Amino acid sequence: MPRDPRAFLWDVQQAGQAIAEFTAGLDASGYRASPLIRSAVERQFEVIGEALNRLSKDAPDIADRVPDLRRIVSFRNILTHGYAVVDDGRVWEIVTSMLPTLRATVAALLSELGPPDA
């Protein structure tokens, strides 16, 4: 039985919130200086990418409404499989310029889809 698409969106929402909390008050230099924070952020992006990948398979109609979904999944693959070539500057750019839009999109979709059926 396929997982409720709201569960994937909730996973994205929670991971995005975690990234926001991990990076609050940091700038690019502060991000680069902390291996702990970089690792935590990368892990949450892996969760986001995997959740959206599964959403695209289980609920493509909903997944199609997430801008740049394929790029997000590809980014997850780089983090997971190409860990030796991760560009911290690029990750920071995604945190600051792309993650807010993704979070807003997911929040809107969750609101529109409503609570899980009882």
N, C-alpha and C. Protein backbone atom coordinates (compact mmCIF):
# COMPACT_ATOMS: atom_id res chain seq x y z
N MET A 1 0.85 -1.18 0.00
CA MET A 1 0.00 0.00 0.00
C MET A 1 0.89 1.24 0.00
N PRO A 2 0.65 2.17 -0.94
CA PRO A 2 1.46 3.39 -0.99
C PRO A 2 1.26 4.23 0.27
N ARG A 3 2.31 4.91 0.63
CA ARG A 3 2.27 5.81 1.78
C ARG A 3 1.46 7.05 1.42
N ASP A 4 0.75 7.59 2.38
CA ASP A 4 -0.02 8.82 2.19
C ASP A 4 0.96 9.92 1.75
N PRO A 5 0.67 10.61 0.65
CA PRO A 5 1.60 11.64 0.18
C PRO A 5 1.86 12.73 1.20
N ARG A 6 0.90 12.97 2.09
CA ARG A 6 1.10 13.98 3.13
C ARG A 6 2.26 13.61 4.04
N ALA A 7 2.51 12.31 4.20
CA ALA A 7 3.62 11.87 5.05
C ALA A 7 4.96 12.29 4.44
N PHE A 8 5.09 12.16 3.13
CA PHE A 8 6.33 12.60 2.47
C PHE A 8 6.50 14.11 2.60
N LEU A 9 5.40 14.84 2.40
CA LEU A 9 5.46 16.29 2.53
C LEU A 9 5.80 16.69 3.96
N TRP A 10 5.24 15.98 4.92
CA TRP A 10 5.54 16.26 6.33
C TRP A 10 7.03 16.02 6.60
N ASP A 11 7.58 14.96 6.04
CA ASP A 11 9.01 14.69 6.21
C ASP A 11 9.85 15.85 5.64
N VAL A 12 9.45 16.35 4.48
CA VAL A 12 10.15 17.49 3.88
C VAL A 12 10.02 18.71 4.78
N GLN A 13 8.82 18.94 5.27
CA GLN A 13 8.58 20.08 6.15
C GLN A 13 9.46 20.01 7.41
N GLN A 14 9.52 18.85 8.02
CA GLN A 14 10.30 18.69 9.25
C GLN A 14 11.80 18.84 8.99
N ALA A 15 12.28 18.28 7.90
CA ALA A 15 13.70 18.40 7.56
C ALA A 15 14.05 19.84 7.23
N GLY A 16 13.18 20.53 6.52
CA GLY A 16 13.42 21.94 6.21
C GLY A 16 13.46 22.80 7.46
N GLN A 17 12.57 22.51 8.39
CA GLN A 17 12.56 23.23 9.66
C GLN A 17 13.85 22.98 10.43
N ALA A 18 14.30 21.74 10.43
CA ALA A 18 15.56 21.40 11.12
C ALA A 18 16.72 22.17 10.51
N ILE A 19 16.79 22.24 9.19
CA ILE A 19 17.87 22.99 8.54
C ILE A 19 17.82 24.46 8.96
N ALA A 20 16.63 25.02 8.98
CA ALA A 20 16.48 26.43 9.38
C ALA A 20 16.98 26.63 10.81
N GLU A 21 16.65 25.70 11.68
CA GLU A 21 17.11 25.81 13.08
C GLU A 21 18.62 25.63 13.18
N PHE A 22 19.16 24.67 12.45
CA PHE A 22 20.61 24.42 12.51
C PHE A 22 21.41 25.62 12.03
N THR A 23 20.88 26.35 11.06
CA THR A 23 21.64 27.42 10.43
C THR A 23 21.26 28.82 10.91
N ALA A 24 20.32 28.90 11.83
CA ALA A 24 19.89 30.21 12.33
C ALA A 24 21.08 30.97 12.91
N GLY A 25 21.21 32.21 12.49
CA GLY A 25 22.27 33.06 12.99
C GLY A 25 23.63 32.87 12.33
N LEU A 26 23.72 31.97 11.38
CA LEU A 26 24.99 31.71 10.70
C LEU A 26 25.07 32.49 9.40
N ASP A 27 26.28 32.72 8.97
CA ASP A 27 26.54 33.19 7.61
C ASP A 27 27.33 32.08 6.92
N ALA A 28 27.73 32.30 5.69
CA ALA A 28 28.43 31.27 4.93
C ALA A 28 29.71 30.82 5.63
N SER A 29 30.44 31.76 6.21
CA SER A 29 31.69 31.40 6.91
C SER A 29 31.42 30.54 8.13
N GLY A 30 30.40 30.91 8.87
CA GLY A 30 30.04 30.12 10.05
C GLY A 30 29.60 28.73 9.68
N TYR A 31 28.88 28.63 8.58
CA TYR A 31 28.45 27.31 8.10
C TYR A 31 29.67 26.47 7.72
N ARG A 32 30.55 27.03 6.94
CA ARG A 32 31.75 26.30 6.51
C ARG A 32 32.62 25.88 7.68
N ALA A 33 32.62 26.66 8.75
CA ALA A 33 33.51 26.41 9.89
C ALA A 33 33.03 25.28 10.79
N SER A 34 31.80 24.81 10.60
CA SER A 34 31.25 23.81 11.50
C SER A 34 30.96 22.48 10.80
N PRO A 35 31.85 21.51 10.97
CA PRO A 35 31.58 20.20 10.37
C PRO A 35 30.30 19.57 10.92
N LEU A 36 29.98 19.84 12.16
CA LEU A 36 28.77 19.29 12.77
C LEU A 36 27.53 19.82 12.06
N ILE A 37 27.47 21.12 11.89
CA ILE A 37 26.30 21.71 11.23
C ILE A 37 26.24 21.29 9.77
N ARG A 38 27.37 21.29 9.09
CA ARG A 38 27.37 20.86 7.68
C ARG A 38 26.83 19.44 7.56
N SER A 39 27.28 18.56 8.43
CA SER A 39 26.80 17.17 8.39
C SER A 39 25.31 17.08 8.66
N ALA A 40 24.84 17.84 9.63
CA ALA A 40 23.42 17.81 9.96
C ALA A 40 22.57 18.35 8.81
N VAL A 41 23.01 19.44 8.21
CA VAL A 41 22.27 20.03 7.09
C VAL A 41 22.24 19.06 5.91
N GLU A 42 23.39 18.50 5.59
CA GLU A 42 23.44 17.56 4.47
C GLU A 42 22.51 16.37 4.70
N ARG A 43 22.47 15.87 5.92
CA ARG A 43 21.58 14.74 6.23
C ARG A 43 20.12 15.12 6.00
N GLN A 44 19.75 16.30 6.43
CA GLN A 44 18.36 16.73 6.25
C GLN A 44 18.03 16.93 4.78
N PHE A 45 18.99 17.40 4.00
CA PHE A 45 18.76 17.49 2.55
C PHE A 45 18.62 16.10 1.93
N GLU A 46 19.32 15.13 2.46
CA GLU A 46 19.14 13.76 1.98
C GLU A 46 17.72 13.28 2.25
N VAL A 47 17.20 13.59 3.44
CA VAL A 47 15.81 13.23 3.78
C VAL A 47 14.84 13.91 2.83
N ILE A 48 15.05 15.20 2.60
CA ILE A 48 14.18 15.95 1.68
C ILE A 48 14.19 15.31 0.29
N GLY A 49 15.37 15.04 -0.23
CA GLY A 49 15.47 14.46 -1.57
C GLY A 49 14.83 13.09 -1.67
N GLU A 50 15.02 12.27 -0.66
CA GLU A 50 14.43 10.93 -0.69
C GLU A 50 12.91 11.00 -0.57
N ALA A 51 12.42 11.86 0.31
CA ALA A 51 10.96 12.00 0.46
C ALA A 51 10.32 12.48 -0.84
N LEU A 52 10.96 13.45 -1.50
CA LEU A 52 10.40 13.94 -2.76
C LEU A 52 10.53 12.92 -3.88
N ASN A 53 11.58 12.14 -3.87
CA ASN A 53 11.72 11.07 -4.86
C ASN A 53 10.58 10.06 -4.70
N ARG A 54 10.30 9.68 -3.48
CA ARG A 54 9.20 8.72 -3.26
C ARG A 54 7.85 9.34 -3.57
N LEU A 55 7.69 10.63 -3.23
CA LEU A 55 6.45 11.32 -3.57
C LEU A 55 6.23 11.30 -5.08
N SER A 56 7.30 11.49 -5.84
CA SER A 56 7.16 11.51 -7.30
C SER A 56 6.70 10.17 -7.85
N LYS A 57 7.00 9.10 -7.14
CA LYS A 57 6.57 7.77 -7.58
C LYS A 57 5.16 7.43 -7.11
N ASP A 58 4.83 7.83 -5.88
CA ASP A 58 3.53 7.48 -5.30
C ASP A 58 2.42 8.47 -5.64
N ALA A 59 2.78 9.72 -5.83
CA ALA A 59 1.77 10.76 -6.10
C ALA A 59 2.35 11.78 -7.09
N PRO A 60 2.56 11.37 -8.33
CA PRO A 60 3.19 12.27 -9.30
C PRO A 60 2.42 13.56 -9.52
N ASP A 61 1.10 13.52 -9.38
CA ASP A 61 0.31 14.74 -9.57
C ASP A 61 0.65 15.79 -8.52
N ILE A 62 0.93 15.37 -7.31
CA ILE A 62 1.32 16.30 -6.25
C ILE A 62 2.79 16.69 -6.44
N ALA A 63 3.62 15.73 -6.74
CA ALA A 63 5.04 15.99 -6.93
C ALA A 63 5.28 17.01 -8.04
N ASP A 64 4.46 16.98 -9.07
CA ASP A 64 4.61 17.92 -10.18
C ASP A 64 4.43 19.37 -9.75
N ARG A 65 3.86 19.58 -8.60
CA ARG A 65 3.62 20.93 -8.10
C ARG A 65 4.78 21.46 -7.26
N VAL A 66 5.81 20.63 -7.07
CA VAL A 66 6.99 21.04 -6.31
C VAL A 66 8.03 21.53 -7.31
N PRO A 67 8.32 22.84 -7.29
CA PRO A 67 9.32 23.37 -8.23
C PRO A 67 10.69 22.72 -8.03
N ASP A 68 11.35 22.44 -9.13
CA ASP A 68 12.71 21.91 -9.11
C ASP A 68 12.85 20.55 -8.42
N LEU A 69 11.79 19.78 -8.41
CA LEU A 69 11.84 18.48 -7.72
C LEU A 69 12.99 17.61 -8.23
N ARG A 70 13.16 17.51 -9.53
CA ARG A 70 14.23 16.67 -10.08
C ARG A 70 15.60 17.16 -9.64
N ARG A 71 15.78 18.47 -9.60
CA ARG A 71 17.06 19.02 -9.14
C ARG A 71 17.30 18.72 -7.66
N ILE A 72 16.24 18.75 -6.88
CA ILE A 72 16.37 18.45 -5.44
C ILE A 72 16.77 16.99 -5.25
N VAL A 73 16.14 16.11 -5.98
CA VAL A 73 16.49 14.69 -5.89
C VAL A 73 17.92 14.47 -6.37
N SER A 74 18.31 15.14 -7.44
CA SER A 74 19.70 15.03 -7.92
C SER A 74 20.69 15.54 -6.88
N PHE A 75 20.34 16.61 -6.20
CA PHE A 75 21.20 17.14 -5.14
C PHE A 75 21.35 16.11 -4.03
N ARG A 76 20.26 15.44 -3.69
CA ARG A 76 20.31 14.38 -2.68
C ARG A 76 21.28 13.29 -3.11
N ASN A 77 21.24 12.93 -4.38
CA ASN A 77 22.13 11.89 -4.89
C ASN A 77 23.59 12.31 -4.81
N ILE A 78 23.86 13.57 -5.08
CA ILE A 78 25.23 14.07 -4.94
C ILE A 78 25.68 13.97 -3.49
N LEU A 79 24.83 14.39 -2.58
CA LEU A 79 25.20 14.33 -1.16
C LEU A 79 25.44 12.90 -0.70
N THR A 80 24.62 11.99 -1.19
CA THR A 80 24.71 10.60 -0.75
C THR A 80 25.86 9.85 -1.42
N HIS A 81 26.00 10.03 -2.72
CA HIS A 81 26.95 9.21 -3.47
C HIS A 81 28.22 9.95 -3.87
N GLY A 82 28.15 11.28 -3.91
CA GLY A 82 29.31 12.06 -4.33
C GLY A 82 29.84 12.91 -3.20
N TYR A 83 29.74 12.37 -1.99
CA TYR A 83 30.07 13.13 -0.78
C TYR A 83 31.45 13.79 -0.85
N ALA A 84 32.37 13.23 -1.60
CA ALA A 84 33.73 13.78 -1.66
C ALA A 84 33.80 15.08 -2.47
N VAL A 85 32.75 15.37 -3.23
CA VAL A 85 32.77 16.56 -4.07
C VAL A 85 31.70 17.58 -3.68
N VAL A 86 31.18 17.47 -2.46
CA VAL A 86 30.16 18.41 -2.01
C VAL A 86 30.78 19.79 -1.85
N ASP A 87 30.15 20.77 -2.45
CA ASP A 87 30.59 22.15 -2.40
C ASP A 87 29.81 22.87 -1.30
N ASP A 88 30.49 23.19 -0.21
CA ASP A 88 29.82 23.82 0.93
C ASP A 88 29.18 25.15 0.56
N GLY A 89 29.83 25.88 -0.34
CA GLY A 89 29.25 27.15 -0.80
C GLY A 89 27.94 26.94 -1.52
N ARG A 90 27.85 25.89 -2.32
CA ARG A 90 26.61 25.58 -3.05
C ARG A 90 25.52 25.15 -2.07
N VAL A 91 25.90 24.34 -1.08
CA VAL A 91 24.91 23.93 -0.08
C VAL A 91 24.36 25.16 0.63
N TRP A 92 25.25 26.07 1.02
CA TRP A 92 24.81 27.28 1.72
C TRP A 92 23.88 28.10 0.82
N GLU A 93 24.21 28.20 -0.45
CA GLU A 93 23.36 28.93 -1.39
C GLU A 93 21.96 28.31 -1.45
N ILE A 94 21.89 27.01 -1.44
CA ILE A 94 20.59 26.32 -1.47
C ILE A 94 19.83 26.58 -0.18
N VAL A 95 20.53 26.55 0.95
CA VAL A 95 19.90 26.83 2.24
C VAL A 95 19.26 28.21 2.22
N THR A 96 19.99 29.19 1.73
CA THR A 96 19.52 30.57 1.83
C THR A 96 18.60 31.01 0.69
N SER A 97 18.77 30.44 -0.49
CA SER A 97 17.99 30.96 -1.62
C SER A 97 16.88 30.03 -2.12
N MET A 98 17.02 28.74 -1.91
CA MET A 98 16.04 27.81 -2.47
C MET A 98 15.17 27.15 -1.40
N LEU A 99 15.74 26.88 -0.25
CA LEU A 99 14.98 26.19 0.79
C LEU A 99 13.73 26.96 1.24
N PRO A 100 13.80 28.29 1.39
CA PRO A 100 12.58 29.00 1.80
C PRO A 100 11.41 28.79 0.84
N THR A 101 11.68 28.77 -0.46
CA THR A 101 10.62 28.54 -1.45
C THR A 101 10.06 27.13 -1.33
N LEU A 102 10.94 26.16 -1.16
CA LEU A 102 10.49 24.78 -1.00
C LEU A 102 9.62 24.65 0.24
N ARG A 103 10.07 25.24 1.34
CA ARG A 103 9.29 25.16 2.58
C ARG A 103 7.91 25.77 2.41
N ALA A 104 7.83 26.91 1.73
CA ALA A 104 6.54 27.56 1.51
C ALA A 104 5.64 26.71 0.62
N THR A 105 6.20 26.11 -0.41
CA THR A 105 5.43 25.24 -1.31
C THR A 105 4.86 24.04 -0.55
N VAL A 106 5.71 23.42 0.25
CA VAL A 106 5.27 22.23 1.00
C VAL A 106 4.20 22.61 2.03
N ALA A 107 4.38 23.74 2.70
CA ALA A 107 3.37 24.18 3.66
C ALA A 107 2.03 24.41 2.97
N ALA A 108 2.06 25.02 1.80
CA ALA A 108 0.82 25.26 1.05
C ALA A 108 0.17 23.95 0.62
N LEU A 109 0.96 23.01 0.15
CA LEU A 109 0.40 21.71 -0.26
C LEU A 109 -0.21 20.98 0.93
N LEU A 110 0.48 20.99 2.06
CA LEU A 110 -0.06 20.32 3.25
C LEU A 110 -1.35 20.97 3.70
N SER A 111 -1.41 22.28 3.64
CA SER A 111 -2.63 23.00 4.02
C SER A 111 -3.78 22.64 3.07
N GLU A 112 -3.47 22.62 1.80
CA GLU A 112 -4.48 22.29 0.79
C GLU A 112 -4.98 20.86 0.92
N LEU A 113 -4.07 19.93 1.18
CA LEU A 113 -4.45 18.52 1.27
C LEU A 113 -5.19 18.18 2.55
N GLY A 114 -5.02 19.01 3.57
CA GLY A 114 -5.72 18.80 4.83
C GLY A 114 -5.16 17.66 5.64
N PRO A 115 -5.78 17.44 6.80
CA PRO A 115 -5.30 16.39 7.70
C PRO A 115 -5.54 15.00 7.11
N PRO A 116 -4.76 14.02 7.56
CA PRO A 116 -4.98 12.64 7.10
C PRO A 116 -6.40 12.18 7.42
N ASP A 117 -6.90 11.29 6.60
CA ASP A 117 -8.22 10.73 6.84
C ASP A 117 -8.21 9.93 8.14
N ALA A 118 -9.29 9.97 8.82
CA ALA A 118 -9.40 9.23 10.10
C ALA A 118 -9.63 7.77 9.86
